[in-house]
């Protein structure tokens, strides 16, 4: 049980740092409520699960090839910049009092989180470094069942943080003024564009120095 609870804490700690998915959750929750923010986090979690499975089955080398990394940096650039620009445009429409802002679908909210997760090479390095190290250590002393329990604990921690972020976003939506919501949305959009530009820069570097 000690391993299990420590893995839950690890999952919480891994999810807490501010990144593209947290920014997207905040933005989606402000505009569309708790469930859409939660779906963004769920999509990101499914992407994380995909990486964990690939690492577990020994396919980490494929993820770190220059071609795949370049594709992921470029794909991440497109996803993040597009989402950031869409966020800023939506904020301006809402502040102006127009009703032209399209309702977000559940599939789109989930897809936003998922594609952000799988298109982020930092996620690959992150899971290789954290989960790969945990897997190497636990496999020396624990069986497959214990490893599965430990991995499940990590995901429970990630799910808990997902609910926390979705809750915060929906609370902000209810208690803040339109002006403050506008500023938060613009900040979230700019942060997504900033992450996207960084991804694009890394893609260019890899193309120049494969």
N, C-alpha and C. Protein backbone atom coordinates (compact mmCIF):
# COMPACT_ATOMS: atom_id res chain seq x y z
N UNK A 1 0.82 -1.21 0.00
CA UNK A 1 0.00 0.00 0.00
C UNK A 1 0.86 1.26 0.00
N UNK A 2 2.03 1.14 0.64
CA UNK A 2 2.94 2.29 0.65
C UNK A 2 3.37 2.67 -0.75
N UNK A 3 3.70 1.65 -1.59
CA UNK A 3 4.06 1.89 -2.99
C UNK A 3 2.90 2.56 -3.73
N UNK A 4 1.68 2.07 -3.46
CA UNK A 4 0.51 2.58 -4.17
C UNK A 4 0.26 4.05 -3.85
N UNK A 5 0.28 4.40 -2.59
CA UNK A 5 0.03 5.79 -2.20
C UNK A 5 1.15 6.72 -2.67
N UNK A 6 2.38 6.22 -2.64
CA UNK A 6 3.49 7.05 -3.13
C UNK A 6 3.37 7.27 -4.63
N UNK A 7 2.82 6.28 -5.36
CA UNK A 7 2.64 6.45 -6.81
C UNK A 7 1.53 7.45 -7.10
N UNK A 8 0.50 7.51 -6.25
CA UNK A 8 -0.56 8.52 -6.41
C UNK A 8 0.03 9.92 -6.24
N UNK A 9 0.87 10.08 -5.21
CA UNK A 9 1.51 11.37 -4.97
C UNK A 9 2.42 11.74 -6.15
N UNK A 10 3.09 10.73 -6.73
CA UNK A 10 3.94 10.99 -7.90
C UNK A 10 3.08 11.48 -9.06
N UNK A 11 1.92 10.85 -9.28
CA UNK A 11 1.02 11.28 -10.35
C UNK A 11 0.57 12.71 -10.17
N UNK A 12 0.23 13.09 -8.93
CA UNK A 12 -0.15 14.48 -8.64
C UNK A 12 0.99 15.44 -8.92
N UNK A 13 2.20 15.06 -8.48
CA UNK A 13 3.36 15.93 -8.67
C UNK A 13 3.71 16.09 -10.15
N UNK A 14 3.52 15.02 -10.93
CA UNK A 14 3.83 15.08 -12.36
C UNK A 14 2.86 15.99 -13.11
N UNK A 15 1.61 16.06 -12.63
CA UNK A 15 0.57 16.82 -13.34
C UNK A 15 0.55 18.30 -12.97
N UNK A 16 1.08 18.63 -11.79
CA UNK A 16 0.92 19.99 -11.26
C UNK A 16 1.64 21.08 -12.04
N UNK A 17 2.87 20.85 -12.56
CA UNK A 17 3.56 21.95 -13.25
C UNK A 17 2.73 22.53 -14.39
N UNK A 18 2.76 23.85 -14.52
CA UNK A 18 1.98 24.53 -15.55
C UNK A 18 2.53 24.17 -16.93
N UNK A 19 1.64 23.76 -17.81
CA UNK A 19 2.03 23.40 -19.17
C UNK A 19 0.88 23.65 -20.12
N UNK A 20 1.03 23.23 -21.38
CA UNK A 20 -0.03 23.49 -22.38
C UNK A 20 -1.38 22.90 -22.00
N UNK A 21 -1.40 21.69 -21.45
CA UNK A 21 -2.68 21.05 -21.14
C UNK A 21 -3.38 21.77 -19.99
N UNK A 22 -2.63 22.16 -18.96
CA UNK A 22 -3.25 22.92 -17.87
C UNK A 22 -3.83 24.24 -18.37
N UNK A 23 -3.10 24.91 -19.25
CA UNK A 23 -3.59 26.18 -19.81
C UNK A 23 -4.85 25.94 -20.65
N UNK A 24 -4.85 24.86 -21.43
CA UNK A 24 -6.02 24.54 -22.25
C UNK A 24 -7.21 24.17 -21.38
N UNK A 25 -6.97 23.44 -20.29
CA UNK A 25 -8.06 23.10 -19.36
C UNK A 25 -8.69 24.36 -18.77
N UNK A 26 -7.84 25.26 -18.34
CA UNK A 26 -8.34 26.50 -17.74
C UNK A 26 -9.18 27.27 -18.75
N UNK A 27 -8.69 27.38 -19.95
CA UNK A 27 -9.40 28.12 -20.99
C UNK A 27 -10.73 27.45 -21.34
N UNK A 28 -10.70 26.13 -21.51
CA UNK A 28 -11.92 25.41 -21.89
C UNK A 28 -12.96 25.45 -20.77
N UNK A 29 -12.50 25.33 -19.52
CA UNK A 29 -13.43 25.36 -18.40
C UNK A 29 -14.09 26.70 -18.22
N UNK A 30 -13.35 27.79 -18.46
CA UNK A 30 -13.92 29.13 -18.34
C UNK A 30 -15.03 29.35 -19.36
N UNK A 31 -14.85 28.81 -20.55
CA UNK A 31 -15.83 29.06 -21.60
C UNK A 31 -16.95 28.03 -21.65
N UNK A 32 -16.65 26.79 -21.26
CA UNK A 32 -17.64 25.73 -21.49
C UNK A 32 -17.96 24.90 -20.25
N UNK A 33 -17.32 25.19 -19.12
CA UNK A 33 -17.68 24.50 -17.90
C UNK A 33 -16.78 23.34 -17.52
N UNK A 34 -17.15 22.74 -16.38
CA UNK A 34 -16.33 21.69 -15.75
C UNK A 34 -16.08 20.50 -16.67
N UNK A 35 -17.13 19.98 -17.30
CA UNK A 35 -17.01 18.73 -18.04
C UNK A 35 -16.05 18.86 -19.22
N UNK A 36 -16.09 19.98 -19.92
CA UNK A 36 -15.19 20.17 -21.05
C UNK A 36 -13.74 20.30 -20.59
N UNK A 37 -13.51 21.00 -19.47
CA UNK A 37 -12.16 21.09 -18.92
C UNK A 37 -11.65 19.72 -18.50
N UNK A 38 -12.54 18.92 -17.90
CA UNK A 38 -12.17 17.57 -17.49
C UNK A 38 -11.83 16.71 -18.69
N UNK A 39 -12.56 16.88 -19.80
CA UNK A 39 -12.30 16.10 -21.00
C UNK A 39 -10.95 16.44 -21.63
N UNK A 40 -10.55 17.70 -21.54
CA UNK A 40 -9.21 18.08 -22.02
C UNK A 40 -8.15 17.30 -21.24
N UNK A 41 -8.29 17.29 -19.91
CA UNK A 41 -7.35 16.55 -19.08
C UNK A 41 -7.41 15.06 -19.35
N UNK A 42 -8.61 14.52 -19.58
CA UNK A 42 -8.76 13.10 -19.88
C UNK A 42 -8.07 12.74 -21.19
N UNK A 43 -8.21 13.61 -22.18
CA UNK A 43 -7.52 13.38 -23.45
C UNK A 43 -6.01 13.36 -23.27
N UNK A 44 -5.50 14.31 -22.46
CA UNK A 44 -4.07 14.32 -22.17
C UNK A 44 -3.63 13.07 -21.45
N UNK A 45 -4.47 12.58 -20.56
CA UNK A 45 -4.14 11.38 -19.79
C UNK A 45 -4.09 10.15 -20.70
N UNK A 46 -5.00 10.06 -21.65
CA UNK A 46 -4.98 8.94 -22.60
C UNK A 46 -3.69 8.99 -23.43
N UNK A 47 -3.26 10.22 -23.80
CA UNK A 47 -2.00 10.36 -24.51
C UNK A 47 -0.83 9.90 -23.65
N UNK A 48 -0.86 10.26 -22.36
CA UNK A 48 0.18 9.80 -21.43
C UNK A 48 0.18 8.28 -21.33
N UNK A 49 -1.02 7.69 -21.28
CA UNK A 49 -1.13 6.24 -21.20
C UNK A 49 -0.50 5.58 -22.42
N UNK A 50 -0.70 6.18 -23.58
CA UNK A 50 -0.11 5.64 -24.80
C UNK A 50 1.41 5.61 -24.69
N UNK A 51 2.00 6.70 -24.20
CA UNK A 51 3.45 6.74 -24.02
C UNK A 51 3.91 5.69 -23.01
N UNK A 52 3.18 5.56 -21.91
CA UNK A 52 3.55 4.59 -20.88
C UNK A 52 3.53 3.17 -21.44
N UNK A 53 2.53 2.86 -22.26
CA UNK A 53 2.45 1.52 -22.85
C UNK A 53 3.62 1.28 -23.81
N UNK A 54 3.94 2.29 -24.61
CA UNK A 54 5.06 2.15 -25.54
C UNK A 54 6.38 1.93 -24.80
N UNK A 55 6.56 2.66 -23.70
CA UNK A 55 7.76 2.49 -22.89
C UNK A 55 7.76 1.11 -22.23
N UNK A 56 6.61 0.70 -21.72
CA UNK A 56 6.50 -0.60 -21.05
C UNK A 56 6.85 -1.74 -22.00
N UNK A 57 6.43 -1.63 -23.25
CA UNK A 57 6.69 -2.69 -24.21
C UNK A 57 7.99 -2.49 -24.99
N UNK A 58 8.82 -1.55 -24.52
CA UNK A 58 10.17 -1.41 -25.07
C UNK A 58 10.29 -0.67 -26.37
N UNK A 59 9.32 0.20 -26.68
CA UNK A 59 9.35 0.93 -27.95
C UNK A 59 9.86 2.35 -27.79
N UNK A 60 10.57 2.61 -26.69
CA UNK A 60 11.05 3.97 -26.42
C UNK A 60 12.02 4.45 -27.49
N UNK A 61 12.83 3.54 -28.04
CA UNK A 61 13.82 3.95 -29.05
C UNK A 61 13.16 4.53 -30.28
N UNK A 62 11.99 3.98 -30.66
CA UNK A 62 11.26 4.50 -31.82
C UNK A 62 10.82 5.94 -31.60
N UNK A 63 10.41 6.26 -30.37
CA UNK A 63 9.92 7.60 -30.07
C UNK A 63 11.01 8.66 -30.10
N UNK A 64 12.24 8.25 -29.94
CA UNK A 64 13.33 9.22 -29.84
C UNK A 64 14.14 9.33 -31.13
N UNK A 65 13.67 8.74 -32.24
CA UNK A 65 14.37 8.90 -33.51
C UNK A 65 14.21 10.34 -34.01
N UNK A 66 15.22 10.90 -34.69
CA UNK A 66 15.14 12.30 -35.13
C UNK A 66 13.91 12.60 -35.98
N UNK A 67 13.52 11.66 -36.87
CA UNK A 67 12.37 11.89 -37.74
C UNK A 67 11.08 12.03 -36.94
N UNK A 68 10.87 11.12 -35.99
CA UNK A 68 9.65 11.15 -35.17
C UNK A 68 9.64 12.40 -34.29
N UNK A 69 10.78 12.74 -33.71
CA UNK A 69 10.84 13.91 -32.84
C UNK A 69 10.56 15.18 -33.63
N UNK A 70 11.11 15.28 -34.85
CA UNK A 70 10.86 16.46 -35.69
C UNK A 70 9.38 16.58 -36.02
N UNK A 71 8.78 15.44 -36.39
CA UNK A 71 7.34 15.45 -36.71
C UNK A 71 6.53 15.90 -35.50
N UNK A 72 6.86 15.40 -34.31
CA UNK A 72 6.10 15.74 -33.11
C UNK A 72 6.26 17.21 -32.74
N UNK A 73 7.49 17.74 -32.85
CA UNK A 73 7.70 19.17 -32.57
C UNK A 73 6.85 20.03 -33.51
N UNK A 74 6.87 19.66 -34.82
CA UNK A 74 6.12 20.44 -35.82
C UNK A 74 4.62 20.31 -35.60
N UNK A 75 4.16 19.10 -35.32
CA UNK A 75 2.74 18.88 -35.08
C UNK A 75 2.29 19.62 -33.82
N UNK A 76 3.12 19.59 -32.79
CA UNK A 76 2.81 20.31 -31.55
C UNK A 76 2.74 21.81 -31.79
N UNK A 77 3.63 22.33 -32.63
CA UNK A 77 3.61 23.76 -32.99
C UNK A 77 2.26 24.13 -33.58
N UNK A 78 1.79 23.33 -34.53
CA UNK A 78 0.51 23.63 -35.19
C UNK A 78 -0.65 23.57 -34.19
N UNK A 79 -0.72 22.52 -33.40
CA UNK A 79 -1.83 22.32 -32.46
C UNK A 79 -1.89 23.46 -31.44
N UNK A 80 -0.73 23.81 -30.86
CA UNK A 80 -0.71 24.81 -29.79
C UNK A 80 -0.98 26.22 -30.30
N UNK A 81 -0.37 26.58 -31.43
CA UNK A 81 -0.58 27.92 -31.98
C UNK A 81 -2.03 28.07 -32.43
N UNK A 82 -2.57 27.05 -33.07
CA UNK A 82 -3.98 27.10 -33.51
C UNK A 82 -4.92 27.26 -32.31
N UNK A 83 -4.68 26.46 -31.27
CA UNK A 83 -5.54 26.52 -30.08
C UNK A 83 -5.42 27.87 -29.38
N UNK A 84 -4.19 28.41 -29.32
CA UNK A 84 -3.98 29.71 -28.69
C UNK A 84 -4.68 30.83 -29.44
N UNK A 85 -4.57 30.84 -30.75
CA UNK A 85 -5.22 31.87 -31.56
C UNK A 85 -6.74 31.76 -31.44
N UNK A 86 -7.25 30.53 -31.46
CA UNK A 86 -8.68 30.30 -31.31
C UNK A 86 -9.17 30.81 -29.95
N UNK A 87 -8.37 30.61 -28.92
CA UNK A 87 -8.72 31.07 -27.57
C UNK A 87 -8.83 32.58 -27.52
N UNK A 88 -7.85 33.27 -28.10
CA UNK A 88 -7.84 34.74 -28.08
C UNK A 88 -9.00 35.30 -28.89
N UNK A 89 -9.26 34.71 -30.06
CA UNK A 89 -10.37 35.17 -30.90
C UNK A 89 -11.71 34.98 -30.18
N UNK A 90 -11.85 33.87 -29.50
CA UNK A 90 -13.10 33.59 -28.78
C UNK A 90 -13.28 34.57 -27.63
N UNK A 91 -12.19 34.90 -26.93
CA UNK A 91 -12.27 35.84 -25.81
C UNK A 91 -12.72 37.22 -26.29
N UNK A 92 -12.21 37.67 -27.42
CA UNK A 92 -12.57 38.99 -27.94
C UNK A 92 -14.04 39.04 -28.34
N UNK A 93 -14.54 37.94 -28.91
CA UNK A 93 -15.95 37.90 -29.31
C UNK A 93 -16.87 37.96 -28.08
N UNK A 94 -16.48 37.22 -27.05
CA UNK A 94 -17.31 37.20 -25.85
C UNK A 94 -17.30 38.54 -25.13
N UNK A 95 -16.15 39.20 -25.08
CA UNK A 95 -16.07 40.50 -24.43
C UNK A 95 -16.90 41.53 -25.18
N UNK A 96 -16.95 41.38 -26.50
CA UNK A 96 -17.72 42.31 -27.32
C UNK A 96 -19.22 42.03 -27.23
N UNK A 97 -19.58 40.92 -26.58
CA UNK A 97 -21.00 40.60 -26.40
C UNK A 97 -21.64 39.97 -27.61
N UNK A 98 -20.85 39.47 -28.55
CA UNK A 98 -21.42 38.81 -29.72
C UNK A 98 -21.79 37.39 -29.36
N UNK A 99 -22.65 36.79 -30.16
CA UNK A 99 -23.05 35.41 -29.93
C UNK A 99 -22.51 34.48 -30.99
N UNK A 100 -21.39 34.88 -31.58
CA UNK A 100 -20.84 34.08 -32.67
C UNK A 100 -19.87 33.01 -32.20
N UNK A 101 -19.65 32.92 -30.90
CA UNK A 101 -18.73 31.93 -30.39
C UNK A 101 -19.37 30.55 -30.47
N UNK A 102 -18.73 29.64 -31.16
CA UNK A 102 -19.29 28.31 -31.34
C UNK A 102 -19.13 27.48 -30.07
N UNK A 103 -20.15 26.69 -29.80
CA UNK A 103 -20.07 25.79 -28.65
C UNK A 103 -19.05 24.69 -28.95
N UNK A 104 -18.28 24.35 -27.94
CA UNK A 104 -17.29 23.30 -28.10
C UNK A 104 -17.95 21.94 -27.93
N UNK A 105 -17.58 20.99 -28.79
CA UNK A 105 -18.09 19.64 -28.64
C UNK A 105 -17.23 18.87 -27.65
N UNK A 106 -17.80 17.82 -27.08
CA UNK A 106 -17.05 16.99 -26.14
C UNK A 106 -15.87 16.33 -26.85
N UNK A 107 -16.09 15.91 -28.09
CA UNK A 107 -15.03 15.26 -28.85
C UNK A 107 -13.87 16.23 -29.08
N UNK A 108 -14.19 17.49 -29.36
CA UNK A 108 -13.14 18.47 -29.59
C UNK A 108 -12.34 18.74 -28.32
N UNK A 109 -13.02 18.81 -27.18
CA UNK A 109 -12.33 19.03 -25.91
C UNK A 109 -11.38 17.88 -25.61
N UNK A 110 -11.87 16.64 -25.79
CA UNK A 110 -11.03 15.47 -25.57
C UNK A 110 -9.86 15.46 -26.54
N UNK A 111 -10.15 15.74 -27.81
CA UNK A 111 -9.10 15.71 -28.84
C UNK A 111 -8.02 16.75 -28.59
N UNK A 112 -8.41 17.92 -28.07
CA UNK A 112 -7.42 18.95 -27.77
C UNK A 112 -6.39 18.43 -26.78
N UNK A 113 -6.85 17.84 -25.68
CA UNK A 113 -5.92 17.30 -24.69
C UNK A 113 -5.09 16.16 -25.23
N UNK A 114 -5.72 15.27 -25.99
CA UNK A 114 -5.02 14.10 -26.52
C UNK A 114 -3.91 14.50 -27.48
N UNK A 115 -4.24 15.37 -28.44
CA UNK A 115 -3.24 15.75 -29.44
C UNK A 115 -2.13 16.59 -28.82
N UNK A 116 -2.46 17.39 -27.80
CA UNK A 116 -1.41 18.13 -27.09
C UNK A 116 -0.44 17.17 -26.41
N UNK A 117 -0.97 16.10 -25.85
CA UNK A 117 -0.13 15.15 -25.13
C UNK A 117 0.77 14.37 -26.08
N UNK A 118 0.20 13.85 -27.18
CA UNK A 118 0.99 12.99 -28.06
C UNK A 118 1.91 13.78 -28.99
N UNK A 119 1.67 15.09 -29.12
CA UNK A 119 2.52 15.89 -30.01
C UNK A 119 3.60 16.64 -29.24
N UNK A 120 3.75 16.33 -27.97
CA UNK A 120 4.72 17.03 -27.13
C UNK A 120 5.94 16.15 -26.88
N UNK A 121 7.05 16.38 -27.58
CA UNK A 121 8.24 15.57 -27.34
C UNK A 121 8.75 15.67 -25.91
N UNK A 122 8.47 16.78 -25.24
CA UNK A 122 8.85 16.88 -23.84
C UNK A 122 8.13 15.82 -23.02
N UNK A 123 6.93 15.45 -23.45
CA UNK A 123 6.19 14.39 -22.79
C UNK A 123 6.93 13.06 -22.91
N UNK A 124 7.50 12.83 -24.10
CA UNK A 124 8.26 11.59 -24.31
C UNK A 124 9.45 11.54 -23.37
N UNK A 125 10.23 12.62 -23.37
CA UNK A 125 11.40 12.68 -22.49
C UNK A 125 10.97 12.56 -21.03
N UNK A 126 9.87 13.20 -20.72
CA UNK A 126 9.34 13.20 -19.36
C UNK A 126 9.01 11.78 -18.91
N UNK A 127 8.25 11.05 -19.74
CA UNK A 127 7.86 9.71 -19.37
C UNK A 127 9.02 8.73 -19.44
N UNK A 128 9.93 8.95 -20.38
CA UNK A 128 11.13 8.11 -20.41
C UNK A 128 11.93 8.27 -19.13
N UNK A 129 12.08 9.53 -18.69
CA UNK A 129 12.88 9.80 -17.51
C UNK A 129 12.21 9.37 -16.22
N UNK A 130 10.90 9.65 -16.09
CA UNK A 130 10.19 9.35 -14.85
C UNK A 130 9.68 7.92 -14.84
N UNK A 131 8.81 7.59 -15.79
CA UNK A 131 8.21 6.26 -15.77
C UNK A 131 9.23 5.18 -16.11
N UNK A 132 10.14 5.51 -17.06
CA UNK A 132 11.18 4.55 -17.41
C UNK A 132 12.04 4.20 -16.20
N UNK A 133 12.39 5.22 -15.42
CA UNK A 133 13.21 4.99 -14.23
C UNK A 133 12.43 4.19 -13.18
N UNK A 134 11.15 4.55 -12.99
CA UNK A 134 10.31 3.82 -12.03
C UNK A 134 10.16 2.37 -12.45
N UNK A 135 9.95 2.15 -13.75
CA UNK A 135 9.77 0.80 -14.27
C UNK A 135 11.04 -0.03 -14.07
N UNK A 136 12.19 0.58 -14.33
CA UNK A 136 13.46 -0.13 -14.17
C UNK A 136 13.70 -0.51 -12.72
N UNK A 137 13.36 0.40 -11.82
CA UNK A 137 13.60 0.15 -10.39
C UNK A 137 12.64 -0.88 -9.83
N UNK A 138 11.34 -0.71 -10.12
CA UNK A 138 10.35 -1.62 -9.54
C UNK A 138 10.44 -3.02 -10.12
N UNK A 139 10.87 -3.14 -11.38
CA UNK A 139 10.95 -4.47 -11.99
C UNK A 139 12.02 -5.33 -11.33
N UNK A 140 12.96 -4.69 -10.64
CA UNK A 140 14.02 -5.44 -9.96
C UNK A 140 13.50 -6.14 -8.72
N UNK A 141 12.50 -5.56 -8.07
CA UNK A 141 12.03 -6.09 -6.78
C UNK A 141 10.57 -6.50 -6.79
N UNK A 142 9.78 -6.05 -7.78
CA UNK A 142 8.35 -6.32 -7.79
C UNK A 142 7.96 -7.13 -9.03
N UNK A 143 6.85 -7.84 -8.92
CA UNK A 143 6.34 -8.59 -10.05
C UNK A 143 5.48 -7.74 -10.96
N UNK A 144 4.95 -8.34 -12.02
CA UNK A 144 4.14 -7.60 -12.99
C UNK A 144 2.87 -7.02 -12.37
N UNK A 145 2.28 -7.77 -11.43
CA UNK A 145 1.06 -7.28 -10.78
C UNK A 145 1.33 -6.02 -9.98
N UNK A 146 2.45 -6.01 -9.24
CA UNK A 146 2.81 -4.83 -8.44
C UNK A 146 3.14 -3.64 -9.33
N UNK A 147 3.79 -3.92 -10.46
CA UNK A 147 4.10 -2.84 -11.40
C UNK A 147 2.82 -2.23 -11.95
N UNK A 148 1.83 -3.09 -12.25
CA UNK A 148 0.54 -2.60 -12.75
C UNK A 148 -0.15 -1.74 -11.69
N UNK A 149 -0.10 -2.16 -10.43
CA UNK A 149 -0.70 -1.39 -9.34
C UNK A 149 0.00 -0.04 -9.20
N UNK A 150 1.33 -0.05 -9.27
CA UNK A 150 2.10 1.19 -9.16
C UNK A 150 1.74 2.15 -10.29
N UNK A 151 1.65 1.60 -11.52
CA UNK A 151 1.30 2.43 -12.68
C UNK A 151 -0.11 2.99 -12.54
N UNK A 152 -1.02 2.17 -12.00
CA UNK A 152 -2.40 2.63 -11.79
C UNK A 152 -2.44 3.78 -10.80
N UNK A 153 -1.60 3.70 -9.76
CA UNK A 153 -1.53 4.78 -8.77
C UNK A 153 -1.10 6.09 -9.41
N UNK A 154 -0.14 6.04 -10.33
CA UNK A 154 0.29 7.25 -11.03
C UNK A 154 -0.88 7.87 -11.78
N UNK A 155 -1.68 7.02 -12.42
CA UNK A 155 -2.81 7.54 -13.18
C UNK A 155 -3.93 8.04 -12.30
N UNK A 156 -4.11 7.45 -11.15
CA UNK A 156 -5.10 7.97 -10.21
C UNK A 156 -4.71 9.38 -9.78
N UNK A 157 -3.41 9.60 -9.53
CA UNK A 157 -2.93 10.93 -9.18
C UNK A 157 -3.16 11.93 -10.30
N UNK A 158 -2.92 11.51 -11.54
CA UNK A 158 -3.14 12.39 -12.70
C UNK A 158 -4.63 12.72 -12.82
N UNK A 159 -5.49 11.72 -12.61
CA UNK A 159 -6.94 11.94 -12.69
C UNK A 159 -7.41 12.91 -11.60
N UNK A 160 -6.84 12.79 -10.42
CA UNK A 160 -7.20 13.70 -9.32
C UNK A 160 -6.86 15.13 -9.68
N UNK A 161 -5.68 15.34 -10.27
CA UNK A 161 -5.28 16.69 -10.67
C UNK A 161 -6.18 17.21 -11.79
N UNK A 162 -6.59 16.32 -12.68
CA UNK A 162 -7.49 16.68 -13.77
C UNK A 162 -8.79 17.25 -13.21
N UNK A 163 -9.34 16.59 -12.19
CA UNK A 163 -10.59 17.05 -11.57
C UNK A 163 -10.37 18.40 -10.87
N UNK A 164 -9.21 18.56 -10.20
CA UNK A 164 -8.90 19.82 -9.52
C UNK A 164 -8.85 20.98 -10.51
N UNK A 165 -8.15 20.78 -11.63
CA UNK A 165 -8.03 21.84 -12.63
C UNK A 165 -9.39 22.18 -13.25
N UNK A 166 -10.17 21.15 -13.55
CA UNK A 166 -11.50 21.39 -14.12
C UNK A 166 -12.38 22.15 -13.13
N UNK A 167 -12.28 21.79 -11.86
CA UNK A 167 -13.05 22.49 -10.83
C UNK A 167 -12.65 23.94 -10.70
N UNK A 168 -11.34 24.21 -10.72
CA UNK A 168 -10.85 25.59 -10.63
C UNK A 168 -11.36 26.41 -11.80
N UNK A 169 -11.30 25.83 -12.99
CA UNK A 169 -11.74 26.56 -14.18
C UNK A 169 -13.23 26.90 -14.11
N UNK A 170 -14.03 25.93 -13.66
CA UNK A 170 -15.47 26.19 -13.59
C UNK A 170 -15.80 27.20 -12.49
N UNK A 171 -15.02 27.20 -11.39
CA UNK A 171 -15.23 28.19 -10.33
C UNK A 171 -14.89 29.59 -10.84
N UNK A 172 -13.76 29.70 -11.55
CA UNK A 172 -13.39 30.99 -12.13
C UNK A 172 -14.50 31.51 -13.03
N UNK A 173 -15.10 30.60 -13.77
CA UNK A 173 -16.15 30.99 -14.71
C UNK A 173 -17.34 31.63 -13.99
N UNK A 174 -17.62 31.16 -12.77
CA UNK A 174 -18.80 31.62 -12.04
C UNK A 174 -18.55 32.89 -11.23
N UNK A 175 -17.31 33.07 -10.70
CA UNK A 175 -17.11 34.15 -9.73
C UNK A 175 -16.38 35.37 -10.30
N UNK A 176 -15.70 35.23 -11.44
CA UNK A 176 -14.93 36.35 -11.96
C UNK A 176 -15.77 37.22 -12.90
N UNK A 177 -15.37 38.46 -13.02
CA UNK A 177 -16.04 39.38 -13.93
C UNK A 177 -15.66 39.07 -15.37
N UNK A 178 -16.46 39.60 -16.30
CA UNK A 178 -16.17 39.38 -17.72
C UNK A 178 -14.78 39.88 -18.09
N UNK A 179 -14.37 41.01 -17.51
CA UNK A 179 -13.06 41.58 -17.82
C UNK A 179 -11.93 40.66 -17.35
N UNK A 180 -12.06 40.11 -16.14
CA UNK A 180 -11.03 39.22 -15.62
C UNK A 180 -11.00 37.91 -16.39
N UNK A 181 -12.17 37.39 -16.74
CA UNK A 181 -12.21 36.18 -17.55
C UNK A 181 -11.55 36.40 -18.91
N UNK A 182 -11.76 37.58 -19.45
CA UNK A 182 -11.13 37.94 -20.72
C UNK A 182 -9.61 37.93 -20.59
N UNK A 183 -9.11 38.54 -19.52
CA UNK A 183 -7.66 38.60 -19.31
C UNK A 183 -7.06 37.21 -19.09
N UNK A 184 -7.78 36.36 -18.33
CA UNK A 184 -7.29 35.00 -18.10
C UNK A 184 -7.26 34.21 -19.41
N UNK A 185 -8.31 34.38 -20.21
CA UNK A 185 -8.38 33.68 -21.49
C UNK A 185 -7.27 34.13 -22.44
N UNK A 186 -7.04 35.45 -22.49
CA UNK A 186 -5.96 35.97 -23.33
C UNK A 186 -4.61 35.44 -22.86
N UNK A 187 -4.39 35.43 -21.55
CA UNK A 187 -3.13 34.91 -21.00
C UNK A 187 -2.94 33.44 -21.34
N UNK A 188 -4.02 32.65 -21.19
CA UNK A 188 -3.94 31.23 -21.53
C UNK A 188 -3.63 31.05 -23.01
N UNK A 189 -4.29 31.85 -23.86
CA UNK A 189 -4.04 31.76 -25.29
C UNK A 189 -2.61 32.12 -25.66
N UNK A 190 -2.10 33.20 -25.04
CA UNK A 190 -0.71 33.61 -25.32
C UNK A 190 0.28 32.56 -24.84
N UNK A 191 -0.02 31.93 -23.69
CA UNK A 191 0.89 30.90 -23.19
C UNK A 191 0.92 29.70 -24.14
N UNK A 192 -0.24 29.35 -24.70
CA UNK A 192 -0.28 28.25 -25.66
C UNK A 192 0.51 28.59 -26.93
N UNK A 193 0.36 29.83 -27.39
CA UNK A 193 1.13 30.26 -28.56
C UNK A 193 2.62 30.25 -28.25
N UNK A 194 2.98 30.68 -27.03
CA UNK A 194 4.38 30.67 -26.62
C UNK A 194 4.96 29.27 -26.62
N UNK A 195 4.23 28.32 -26.04
CA UNK A 195 4.67 26.92 -26.08
C UNK A 195 4.79 26.45 -27.52
N UNK A 196 3.82 26.83 -28.35
CA UNK A 196 3.84 26.41 -29.75
C UNK A 196 5.05 26.94 -30.50
N UNK A 197 5.39 28.21 -30.27
CA UNK A 197 6.56 28.79 -30.93
C UNK A 197 7.84 28.09 -30.49
N UNK A 198 7.89 27.72 -29.23
CA UNK A 198 9.05 26.97 -28.74
C UNK A 198 9.14 25.61 -29.45
N UNK A 199 8.01 24.96 -29.62
CA UNK A 199 7.99 23.68 -30.33
C UNK A 199 8.47 23.86 -31.77
N UNK A 200 7.98 24.94 -32.42
CA UNK A 200 8.41 25.21 -33.79
C UNK A 200 9.90 25.45 -33.89
N UNK A 201 10.43 26.18 -32.92
CA UNK A 201 11.88 26.45 -32.87
C UNK A 201 12.67 25.15 -32.76
N UNK A 202 12.21 24.25 -31.90
CA UNK A 202 12.89 22.96 -31.73
C UNK A 202 12.82 22.13 -33.01
N UNK A 203 11.67 22.21 -33.71
CA UNK A 203 11.54 21.47 -34.98
C UNK A 203 12.53 21.98 -36.01
N UNK A 204 12.71 23.32 -36.08
CA UNK A 204 13.67 23.91 -37.02
C UNK A 204 15.09 23.48 -36.68
N UNK A 205 15.41 23.48 -35.40
CA UNK A 205 16.75 23.05 -34.97
C UNK A 205 17.03 21.61 -35.38
N UNK A 206 16.02 20.73 -35.22
CA UNK A 206 16.22 19.33 -35.60
C UNK A 206 16.35 19.17 -37.11
N UNK A 207 15.62 19.99 -37.87
CA UNK A 207 15.75 19.93 -39.33
C UNK A 207 17.14 20.39 -39.78
N UNK A 208 17.68 21.38 -39.08
CA UNK A 208 19.00 21.89 -39.43
C UNK A 208 20.13 20.98 -38.97
N UNK A 209 19.87 20.30 -37.82
CA UNK A 209 20.89 19.40 -37.26
C UNK A 209 20.26 18.06 -36.94
N UNK A 210 19.94 17.25 -37.95
CA UNK A 210 19.26 15.98 -37.71
C UNK A 210 20.13 14.99 -36.94
